[in-house]
N, C-alpha and C. Protein backbone atom coordinates (compact mmCIF):
# COMPACT_ATOMS: atom_id res chain seq x y z
N UNK A 1 115.62 108.25 86.65
CA UNK A 1 116.68 109.31 87.45
C UNK A 1 116.55 109.45 88.28
N UNK A 2 115.41 109.43 89.65
CA UNK A 2 115.85 108.75 91.24
C UNK A 2 115.16 107.85 90.91
N UNK A 3 115.06 106.97 90.40
CA UNK A 3 115.64 105.43 90.86
C UNK A 3 116.93 105.08 91.11
N UNK A 4 117.64 105.59 89.71
CA UNK A 4 118.84 105.86 89.74
C UNK A 4 120.00 106.46 90.94
N UNK A 5 118.90 107.08 91.58
CA UNK A 5 120.07 108.35 92.33
C UNK A 5 119.57 107.52 93.84
N UNK A 6 118.19 106.44 94.31
CA UNK A 6 118.06 106.44 94.90
C UNK A 6 118.41 104.69 95.63
N UNK A 7 118.80 103.98 94.35
CA UNK A 7 119.57 102.98 94.77
C UNK A 7 120.80 102.55 95.81
N UNK A 8 120.10 101.33 96.56
CA UNK A 8 120.88 101.28 97.74
C UNK A 8 121.86 99.58 97.90
N UNK A 9 121.49 99.22 96.87
CA UNK A 9 122.58 98.28 96.40
C UNK A 9 121.80 96.66 96.59
N UNK A 10 119.84 96.65 96.37
CA UNK A 10 118.98 95.65 97.37
C UNK A 10 119.45 94.76 95.55
N UNK A 11 118.57 94.03 95.06
CA UNK A 11 118.15 93.05 94.18
C UNK A 11 117.81 93.69 92.94
N UNK A 12 117.42 93.75 91.52
CA UNK A 12 116.99 94.93 91.19
C UNK A 12 115.20 94.92 91.06
N UNK A 13 114.90 93.10 90.94
CA UNK A 13 113.25 93.44 91.84
C UNK A 13 112.94 94.52 92.81
N UNK A 14 113.33 94.08 93.92
CA UNK A 14 113.44 94.87 95.59
C UNK A 14 113.85 96.27 95.21
N UNK A 15 114.58 96.18 94.07
CA UNK A 15 114.84 98.21 94.31
C UNK A 15 114.12 98.87 93.63
N UNK A 16 113.00 97.72 92.89
CA UNK A 16 111.52 98.28 92.21
C UNK A 16 110.72 98.98 93.07
N UNK A 17 110.79 97.00 93.39
CA UNK A 17 109.46 97.20 94.72
C UNK A 17 110.06 98.35 96.40
N UNK A 18 110.68 99.31 96.17
CA UNK A 18 111.44 99.79 96.95
C UNK A 18 110.75 101.17 96.56
N UNK A 19 110.81 101.53 94.93
CA UNK A 19 111.07 102.96 95.12
C UNK A 19 109.72 103.26 94.61
N UNK A 20 108.73 102.06 94.17
CA UNK A 20 107.36 102.35 94.08
C UNK A 20 106.47 102.58 95.48
N UNK A 21 107.23 102.19 96.25
CA UNK A 21 106.27 102.07 97.56
C UNK A 21 106.73 102.79 98.50
N UNK A 22 108.17 103.98 98.13
CA UNK A 22 108.60 105.01 98.59
C UNK A 22 107.65 106.46 97.92
N UNK A 23 107.92 106.08 96.55
CA UNK A 23 106.78 107.09 96.13
C UNK A 23 105.32 106.99 95.83
N UNK A 24 104.62 106.13 96.90
CA UNK A 24 103.50 105.86 97.02
C UNK A 24 102.02 105.68 95.70
N UNK A 25 102.58 104.68 94.68
CA UNK A 25 102.23 104.36 92.96
C UNK A 25 102.34 103.06 93.32
N UNK A 26 101.92 101.75 92.89
CA UNK A 26 101.51 100.10 93.04
C UNK A 26 102.36 100.24 91.56
N UNK A 27 103.47 99.53 91.72
CA UNK A 27 103.96 99.84 89.90
C UNK A 27 103.92 98.28 89.51
N UNK A 28 103.68 97.08 88.71
CA UNK A 28 104.61 96.04 88.83
C UNK A 28 105.50 95.93 87.31
N UNK A 29 106.35 97.07 87.39
CA UNK A 29 107.32 96.82 86.18
C UNK A 29 108.33 95.80 85.97
N UNK A 30 108.61 94.83 84.65
CA UNK A 30 109.60 94.19 84.98
C UNK A 30 110.33 94.62 84.49
N UNK A 31 111.81 93.55 85.47
CA UNK A 31 113.61 94.39 85.50
C UNK A 31 113.43 94.75 84.29
N UNK A 32 113.83 93.89 82.88
CA UNK A 32 114.61 93.87 82.00
C UNK A 32 113.99 95.59 81.61
N UNK A 33 112.49 95.53 81.78
CA UNK A 33 112.64 97.24 80.84
C UNK A 33 112.76 98.08 81.33
N UNK A 34 113.08 98.47 82.81
CA UNK A 34 113.96 98.65 83.52
C UNK A 34 115.56 99.54 83.28
N UNK A 35 115.82 98.56 82.97
CA UNK A 35 117.03 97.74 82.63
C UNK A 35 116.97 98.43 81.19
N UNK A 36 116.66 98.39 80.85
CA UNK A 36 116.23 98.62 78.98
C UNK A 36 115.87 100.41 78.99
N UNK A 37 115.57 101.38 79.44
CA UNK A 37 115.17 101.97 79.33
C UNK A 37 116.16 103.58 80.25
N UNK A 38 116.88 102.51 80.99
CA UNK A 38 118.12 103.28 81.96
C UNK A 38 118.91 103.25 81.26
N UNK A 39 119.02 102.30 80.11
CA UNK A 39 120.00 102.12 78.90
C UNK A 39 120.07 103.71 77.90
N UNK A 40 118.59 103.74 77.74
CA UNK A 40 118.46 105.74 76.74
C UNK A 40 119.01 106.48 77.82
N UNK A 41 119.21 106.56 79.15
CA UNK A 41 119.63 107.46 79.81
C UNK A 41 120.75 108.17 79.39
N UNK A 42 121.02 109.47 79.08
CA UNK A 42 122.54 110.26 78.90
C UNK A 42 123.38 110.17 79.81
N UNK A 43 123.96 110.06 79.56
CA UNK A 43 125.20 109.37 81.43
C UNK A 43 125.85 111.54 81.47
N UNK A 44 125.39 112.33 80.39
CA UNK A 44 126.24 113.07 81.26
C UNK A 44 125.37 114.18 81.87
N UNK A 45 123.83 113.45 82.29
CA UNK A 45 123.22 114.75 83.18
C UNK A 45 123.67 114.13 84.56
N UNK A 46 124.46 112.98 85.15
CA UNK A 46 125.08 113.05 86.08
C UNK A 46 125.91 113.13 86.20
N UNK A 47 127.11 113.97 85.45
CA UNK A 47 128.12 114.64 85.06
C UNK A 47 127.82 116.23 85.45
N UNK A 48 126.34 116.62 85.31
CA UNK A 48 126.01 117.81 84.83
C UNK A 48 125.57 117.94 86.84
N UNK A 49 124.31 116.92 86.93
CA UNK A 49 123.76 116.82 88.54
C UNK A 49 124.91 117.24 89.58
N UNK A 50 125.82 116.62 89.34
CA UNK A 50 127.54 116.63 90.13
C UNK A 50 128.03 117.70 90.70
N UNK A 51 128.40 118.26 89.12
CA UNK A 51 129.06 120.02 89.43
C UNK A 51 127.57 120.88 89.73
N UNK A 52 126.11 121.18 89.60
CA UNK A 52 124.78 121.48 89.47
C UNK A 52 125.33 121.56 91.15
N UNK A 53 125.27 120.54 91.50
CA UNK A 53 125.01 120.01 93.39
C UNK A 53 126.60 120.82 94.45
N UNK A 54 127.52 120.69 93.46
CA UNK A 54 128.61 120.77 93.82
C UNK A 54 128.75 122.61 94.53
N UNK A 55 128.56 122.88 93.12
CA UNK A 55 128.43 124.75 92.85
C UNK A 55 127.28 125.15 94.15
N UNK A 56 126.26 124.95 94.38
CA UNK A 56 125.15 125.18 95.62
C UNK A 56 125.64 124.96 96.68
N UNK A 57 126.21 123.71 96.32
CA UNK A 57 127.39 123.67 97.93
C UNK A 57 127.81 124.43 98.62
N UNK A 58 128.77 124.91 97.66
CA UNK A 58 129.48 125.80 97.62
C UNK A 58 129.41 127.15 98.09
N UNK A 59 128.08 127.55 97.64
CA UNK A 59 127.57 128.57 97.72
C UNK A 59 126.62 128.98 99.08
N UNK A 60 126.67 127.93 99.11
CA UNK A 60 125.13 127.92 100.22
C UNK A 60 125.77 127.71 101.89
N UNK A 61 127.30 127.36 102.26
CA UNK A 61 127.77 126.84 102.55
C UNK A 61 129.67 127.56 103.35
N UNK A 62 129.31 128.55 102.27
CA UNK A 62 130.30 128.96 101.72
C UNK A 62 131.08 129.52 103.29
N UNK A 63 130.12 130.82 104.01
CA UNK A 63 130.54 130.72 105.72
C UNK A 63 129.98 130.04 106.43
N UNK A 64 129.75 129.18 106.45
CA UNK A 64 130.08 127.99 107.81
C UNK A 64 130.67 126.89 107.67
N UNK A 65 131.87 126.98 106.44
CA UNK A 65 133.18 125.37 106.84
C UNK A 65 134.17 126.05 106.00
N UNK A 66 134.73 125.36 107.02
CA UNK A 66 136.81 125.79 106.64
C UNK A 66 136.87 125.08 105.18
N UNK A 67 138.03 125.41 104.12
CA UNK A 67 137.76 124.97 102.79
C UNK A 67 139.60 124.89 103.05
N UNK A 68 139.75 124.48 102.30
CA UNK A 68 141.50 123.86 101.93
C UNK A 68 141.54 124.48 100.81
N UNK A 69 142.22 125.49 100.19
CA UNK A 69 142.14 125.68 99.05
C UNK A 69 140.90 125.59 97.88
N UNK A 70 139.91 126.53 99.31
CA UNK A 70 138.70 126.31 98.30
C UNK A 70 137.96 125.42 97.84
N UNK A 71 138.08 123.74 99.02
CA UNK A 71 137.81 122.81 98.72
C UNK A 71 137.74 122.54 99.82
N UNK A 72 135.95 121.63 100.41
CA UNK A 72 136.15 120.66 101.30
C UNK A 72 136.65 119.60 100.85
N UNK A 73 137.43 119.41 102.45
CA UNK A 73 138.71 118.32 102.42
C UNK A 73 138.29 117.44 103.39
N UNK A 74 137.65 116.25 102.37
CA UNK A 74 137.88 115.22 103.41
C UNK A 74 138.04 113.83 102.90
N UNK A 75 138.60 112.74 103.67
CA UNK A 75 139.47 111.61 104.19
C UNK A 75 139.06 110.66 104.26
N UNK A 76 139.33 109.35 103.76
CA UNK A 76 138.69 108.39 104.08
C UNK A 76 140.33 107.27 104.18
N UNK A 77 140.84 106.20 104.95
CA UNK A 77 141.60 105.49 105.30
C UNK A 77 141.34 104.36 104.73
N UNK A 78 140.57 103.63 104.61
CA UNK A 78 140.33 102.37 103.44
C UNK A 78 140.84 101.46 104.52
N UNK A 79 140.10 101.54 105.52
CA UNK A 79 140.38 100.37 106.37
C UNK A 79 139.21 99.12 106.34
N UNK A 80 139.08 98.07 106.46
CA UNK A 80 138.40 96.89 106.30
C UNK A 80 137.99 95.80 107.12
N UNK A 81 137.06 95.88 107.99
CA UNK A 81 137.33 95.36 109.57
C UNK A 81 135.68 94.46 109.23
N UNK A 82 136.04 93.42 110.29
CA UNK A 82 134.28 92.96 110.26
C UNK A 82 133.76 93.29 111.91
N UNK A 83 133.39 94.11 112.08
CA UNK A 83 131.92 93.90 113.24
C UNK A 83 131.43 92.73 113.98
N UNK A 84 132.00 91.44 114.94
CA UNK A 84 131.34 90.57 115.64
C UNK A 84 129.91 90.95 115.37
N UNK A 85 128.58 89.65 115.16
CA UNK A 85 127.10 89.70 114.99
C UNK A 85 127.05 88.64 116.39
N UNK A 86 127.72 89.09 117.50
CA UNK A 86 127.58 89.19 118.74
C UNK A 86 127.42 90.23 119.89
N UNK A 87 126.28 89.66 121.00
CA UNK A 87 126.37 90.75 121.75
C UNK A 87 127.32 91.28 122.81
């Protein structure tokens, strides 16, 4: 679970190395073994984690955050642009 939730979009090998470096353990797990074990994870766990997270968030910050119809309103505009790689 921690591995999946902390992925950063790198290759599987790099993700595995970074994960074990972060938890200060030395492991050499084959990519296929990780992918096989991941398939055994019940996807409902992510729905439950999300529901619990949101419930706790709104309980904790209810007085500090302005809500719109009971929800924290966020938006993005979907703009896509490149930042030049120059000074």
